[in-house]
Protein backbone atom coordinates (compact mmCIF):
# COMPACT_ATOMS: atom_id res chain seq x y z
CA MET A 1 0.22 0.03 -0.24
CA GLN A 2 1.30 3.30 -1.01
CA SER A 3 1.72 5.51 2.48
CA PRO A 4 -0.44 9.14 1.89
CA VAL A 5 2.52 11.32 1.69
CA GLY A 6 3.40 9.23 -1.78
CA ASP A 7 0.27 10.04 -2.95
CA SER A 8 0.36 13.82 -2.24
CA ALA A 9 3.93 13.91 -3.80
CA ASN A 10 1.97 11.81 -6.64
CA ILE A 11 -0.63 14.40 -7.28
CA GLY A 12 1.38 17.44 -5.66
CA ALA A 13 3.93 16.44 -8.92
CA GLY A 14 0.12 15.93 -11.15
CA ARG A 15 -0.27 19.65 -10.34
CA LEU A 16 2.24 20.72 -11.71
CA GLU A 17 3.01 19.45 -14.21
CA ASP A 18 -0.73 20.83 -15.41
CA VAL A 19 0.45 24.23 -14.52
CA VAL A 20 3.32 23.56 -16.67
CA GLU A 21 1.56 22.62 -19.26
CA THR A 22 -1.27 25.44 -19.38
CA ARG A 23 2.06 28.35 -19.32
CA LYS A 24 3.02 26.94 -22.25
CA ARG A 25 0.00 26.87 -24.36
CA TYR A 26 -0.11 30.24 -22.86
CA HIS A 27 2.72 31.11 -24.35
CA GLU A 28 2.67 29.18 -27.78
CA GLU A 29 -1.37 31.08 -27.68
CA LEU A 30 0.58 34.51 -27.44
CA HIS A 31 3.24 33.99 -29.32
CA GLN A 32 -0.05 32.81 -32.60
CA LEU A 33 -1.30 35.68 -31.78
CA LYS A 34 1.43 38.18 -32.81
CA VAL A 35 2.53 36.21 -35.51
CA ASP A 36 -1.43 36.15 -36.66
CA THR A 37 -1.15 40.52 -36.53
CA VAL A 38 1.72 40.18 -38.54
CA ARG A 39 0.40 38.58 -41.61
CA LEU A 40 -2.75 40.57 -41.07
CA ALA A 41 -0.26 43.62 -41.77
CA ALA A 42 1.25 41.91 -44.09
CA MET A 43 -1.20 40.87 -46.28
CA ALA A 44 -2.89 45.49 -45.85
CA ALA A 45 0.68 46.69 -47.16
CA GLU A 46 0.31 44.47 -50.02
CA GLN A 47 -3.14 45.44 -51.00
CA ILE A 48 -1.79 48.76 -50.51
CA ALA A 49 0.34 48.00 -53.03
CA ALA A 50 -1.92 46.36 -55.18
CA GLY A 51 -4.67 49.95 -55.56
CA THR A 52 -2.37 51.71 -55.18
CA GLU A 53 -1.27 49.77 -58.80
CA ALA A 54 -4.25 49.07 -60.11
CA LEU A 55 -5.46 53.12 -59.58
CA LEU A 56 -1.64 54.52 -61.40
CA ALA A 57 -2.94 51.85 -63.98
CA GLY A 58 -6.59 52.40 -64.19
CA ASP A 59 -6.73 48.65 -64.23
CA LEU A 60 -10.27 48.17 -62.61
CA ALA A 61 -10.02 44.10 -62.47
CA GLY A 62 -6.50 45.35 -60.27
CA ALA A 63 -9.23 47.01 -58.90
CA GLU A 64 -11.45 44.29 -57.79
CA ARG A 65 -8.44 41.87 -56.96
CA VAL A 66 -8.72 44.95 -54.53
CA ILE A 67 -12.28 44.89 -53.58
CA SER A 68 -12.62 41.43 -53.25
CA GLY A 69 -9.83 40.51 -51.20
CA ASP A 70 -11.17 43.00 -48.85
CA ALA A 71 -12.54 39.76 -47.23
CA GLU A 72 -9.58 37.95 -46.49
CA ILE A 73 -8.44 40.32 -44.24
CA ASP A 74 -11.70 40.44 -42.57
CA ASP A 75 -11.66 37.31 -41.90
CA LEU A 76 -8.46 37.06 -40.18
CA PHE A 77 -8.94 40.31 -37.71
CA HIS A 78 -12.08 39.10 -36.32
CA ALA A 79 -9.82 34.75 -36.19
CA ILE A 80 -7.56 37.34 -34.39
CA GLU A 81 -9.86 39.18 -32.37
CA GLU A 82 -12.09 35.43 -31.08
CA ASN A 83 -8.68 34.63 -29.92
CA ALA A 84 -7.56 36.82 -28.56
CA TYR A 85 -11.05 36.97 -25.80
CA TYR A 86 -9.87 33.40 -26.09
CA VAL A 87 -6.92 34.33 -23.76
CA LEU A 88 -8.02 36.70 -21.71
CA ALA A 89 -10.66 34.85 -21.03
CA ARG A 90 -9.47 32.08 -20.22
CA GLN A 91 -5.41 32.71 -19.19
CA SER A 92 -6.11 35.93 -17.70
CA PRO A 93 -2.33 36.97 -18.47
CA MET A 94 -0.56 39.60 -15.82
CA ALA A 95 1.29 42.51 -16.94
CA SER A 96 3.47 43.25 -20.19
CA GLU A 97 0.84 39.88 -21.15
CA LEU A 98 -2.13 41.58 -20.75
CA ARG A 99 -1.15 44.95 -21.69
CA THR A 100 0.83 42.38 -25.33
CA VAL A 101 -3.14 41.46 -25.86
CA ILE A 102 -4.91 44.54 -24.92
CA ALA A 103 -2.87 46.14 -27.54
CA ILE A 104 -3.35 43.19 -30.36
CA LEU A 105 -6.94 44.03 -30.32
CA ARG A 106 -6.01 47.57 -31.11
CA VAL A 107 -3.62 47.16 -33.40
CA VAL A 108 -5.55 44.48 -35.70
CA HIS A 109 -8.18 47.03 -36.09
CA GLU A 110 -6.01 49.68 -37.37
CA ILE A 111 -4.76 47.39 -39.36
CA GLU A 112 -8.41 45.70 -41.26
CA ARG A 113 -8.87 50.02 -41.26
CA CYS A 114 -6.56 50.32 -43.45
CA GLY A 115 -7.66 47.32 -45.50
CA ASP A 116 -11.08 49.25 -45.91
CA LEU A 117 -9.62 52.47 -46.94
CA MET A 118 -7.42 50.89 -49.74
CA VAL A 119 -11.29 49.62 -50.90
CA ASN A 120 -12.19 52.83 -51.47
CA VAL A 121 -9.19 53.82 -52.72
CA ALA A 122 -9.89 50.63 -55.60
CA LYS A 123 -13.39 52.21 -55.67
CA ALA A 124 -12.13 55.53 -56.73
CA THR A 125 -10.25 54.18 -60.05
CA ARG A 126 -13.64 52.56 -61.16
CA ARG A 127 -15.25 56.53 -60.47
CA LEU A 128 -11.92 57.94 -62.59
CA TYR A 129 -12.23 55.20 -65.54
CA PRO A 130 -11.25 55.93 -68.51
CA TYR A 131 -9.55 59.26 -67.30
CA GLY A 132 -6.16 59.16 -66.73
CA LEU A 133 -4.33 60.60 -64.00
CA ASP A 134 -2.20 63.48 -64.27
CA PRO A 135 1.44 63.37 -65.14
CA LYS A 136 2.22 64.94 -61.50
CA VAL A 137 -0.47 64.23 -59.91
CA ARG A 138 0.69 60.30 -60.61
CA GLY A 139 4.03 60.73 -59.09
CA LEU A 140 2.57 62.14 -55.43
CA ILE A 141 -0.15 59.05 -56.02
CA GLU A 142 2.87 56.60 -56.71
CA ARG A 143 4.89 58.13 -53.64
CA MET A 144 1.93 58.37 -51.13
CA GLY A 145 1.14 54.65 -51.89
CA ALA A 146 5.40 53.85 -51.07
CA GLN A 147 4.93 55.61 -47.82
CA ALA A 148 1.76 54.24 -46.32
CA GLY A 149 2.54 51.04 -47.09
CA ASP A 150 6.58 51.98 -45.68
CA GLN A 151 4.80 53.52 -42.34
CA LEU A 152 2.59 50.58 -42.19
CA ARG A 153 5.52 47.35 -42.44
CA LEU A 154 7.95 49.79 -39.76
CA ALA A 155 4.50 50.19 -37.35
CA VAL A 156 4.44 46.09 -37.34
CA VAL A 157 8.18 45.25 -37.46
CA ALA A 158 8.51 47.87 -34.20
CA PHE A 159 5.47 46.17 -32.66
CA ASP A 160 6.20 42.35 -32.93
CA ASP A 161 10.54 42.93 -31.46
CA GLY A 162 8.70 45.54 -29.21
CA ASP A 163 10.63 48.66 -30.43
CA VAL A 164 10.58 51.46 -29.09
CA VAL A 165 12.98 53.41 -31.11
CA GLN A 166 11.58 52.08 -35.00
CA ALA A 167 8.05 53.24 -33.06
CA ALA A 168 9.37 56.49 -32.58
CA ALA A 169 10.30 56.94 -36.43
CA VAL A 170 6.71 55.82 -37.73
CA ASP A 171 5.61 59.36 -35.75
CA ASP A 172 8.81 61.27 -38.09
CA MET A 173 7.80 59.06 -40.77
CA ASP A 174 3.93 61.30 -40.95
CA ASP A 175 5.63 64.37 -41.80
CA VAL A 176 6.67 63.41 -44.64
CA MET A 177 3.08 61.56 -45.44
CA ASP A 178 1.60 65.41 -44.50
CA ASP A 179 3.32 66.90 -46.60
CA LEU A 180 2.72 65.06 -49.67
CA THR A 181 -0.97 65.17 -49.05
CA LYS A 182 -0.99 68.89 -48.78
CA ALA A 183 1.31 68.98 -52.13
CA LEU A 184 -1.76 67.30 -53.88
CA PHE A 185 -4.57 69.37 -52.74
CA ARG A 186 -2.72 72.03 -53.95
CA THR A 187 -1.77 70.56 -57.13
CA ILE A 188 -5.03 69.35 -57.81
CA PHE A 189 -7.06 72.73 -57.30
CA ALA A 190 -3.53 74.53 -59.16
CA GLY A 191 -6.13 74.84 -61.88
CA GLY A 192 -9.46 75.25 -61.01
CA ALA A 193 -12.29 72.83 -62.70
CA ALA A 194 -14.69 74.70 -64.44
CA GLU A 195 -16.70 71.53 -65.57
CA GLU A 196 -18.64 69.36 -63.51
CA ALA A 197 -16.91 66.16 -64.78
CA SER A 198 -13.96 67.40 -63.87
CA LEU A 199 -14.34 68.93 -60.44
CA GLN A 200 -15.48 65.79 -59.56
CA ARG A 201 -13.07 63.78 -60.72
CA ALA A 202 -10.64 66.14 -58.75
CA VAL A 203 -12.98 65.24 -55.68
CA GLN A 204 -12.27 61.84 -56.38
CA VAL A 205 -8.39 62.55 -56.39
CA ALA A 206 -8.48 64.02 -52.77
CA LEU A 207 -10.28 61.89 -51.48
CA VAL A 208 -7.47 59.16 -53.27
CA GLY A 209 -5.20 61.28 -50.63
CA ARG A 210 -7.02 61.06 -47.71
CA TYR A 211 -7.58 57.45 -47.73
CA TYR A 212 -3.63 57.10 -47.87
CA GLU A 213 -2.83 59.95 -45.40
CA ARG A 214 -5.67 57.50 -43.16
CA VAL A 215 -4.02 54.45 -43.36
CA ALA A 216 -0.21 56.23 -42.59
CA ASP A 217 -2.68 57.98 -39.39
CA HIS A 218 -3.58 53.82 -38.42
CA ALA A 219 0.16 53.58 -38.71
CA VAL A 220 0.50 56.09 -36.15
CA ASN A 221 -1.78 54.61 -34.19
CA ILE A 222 0.04 51.10 -34.40
CA SER A 223 3.53 52.42 -33.61
CA HIS A 224 1.68 54.29 -30.60
CA ARG A 225 1.04 50.56 -29.31
CA VAL A 226 4.08 49.77 -28.59
CA HIS A 227 5.08 52.66 -26.86
CA PHE A 228 2.66 51.32 -24.50
CA VAL A 229 2.96 47.34 -24.20
CA VAL A 230 6.65 48.07 -23.27
CA THR A 231 6.30 50.75 -20.74
CA GLY A 232 2.53 50.85 -20.14
CA THR A 233 2.08 54.39 -20.86
CA LEU A 234 0.45 55.67 -24.16
CA ALA A 235 2.90 57.72 -26.85
CA ASP A 236 0.38 60.74 -26.08
CA GLN A 237 0.57 60.79 -21.90
CA GLU A 238 4.66 60.61 -21.93
CA ALA A 239 5.05 63.37 -24.47
CA GLU A 240 3.04 65.60 -21.80
CA ARG A 241 4.76 64.07 -19.12
CA ARG A 242 8.30 65.86 -20.03
CA SER A 243 6.58 69.08 -22.01
């Protein structure tokens, strides 16, 4: 017959194994959330490039692919949300791990909105068809598309690495997008389009500029979440404290 002491030891060892297995599974789930968040951002970045290319080329088929491709982004976004809520409910993360899960919920929302904005760009391609863009306007939009993609990619790399220095660089990069937006508006309305049709096209191009500017703003918001995860404070709060 096994002694009560032996039984207690076996029970204690079993409980310890359960705790270790639970913690292992928890860290795997947390890692997968970050992996899926990076994948979501990569999909959105591809949409930025594809949407810009379709707009510049007047490619209606390409625009349609961007529009239909948004469903895949939405599906992954909702899956990440659901898994994040599961981790919060079942694992009760603490401290920095809790901040990471909360930040992921905010970050994936920012990324999903980038996808929606590129759907708007694709729809603008339809509205502008078959008219070509002024060469200077084309150049500015091409640069805005590249800038938006670069900011989103850097913001997500900073989030994945927990790098507040890279995150701060996204804020600085946003000044470039602001300058491009102003230059686009000046170019669009410099000619003072008189015809109704020309005015409508000018408005569409101006809206496209706003869409890219908003993508860049979402990238900045993601970069602020990096500061929150690493330090426990929001970037805006830290700036106020130093001022």
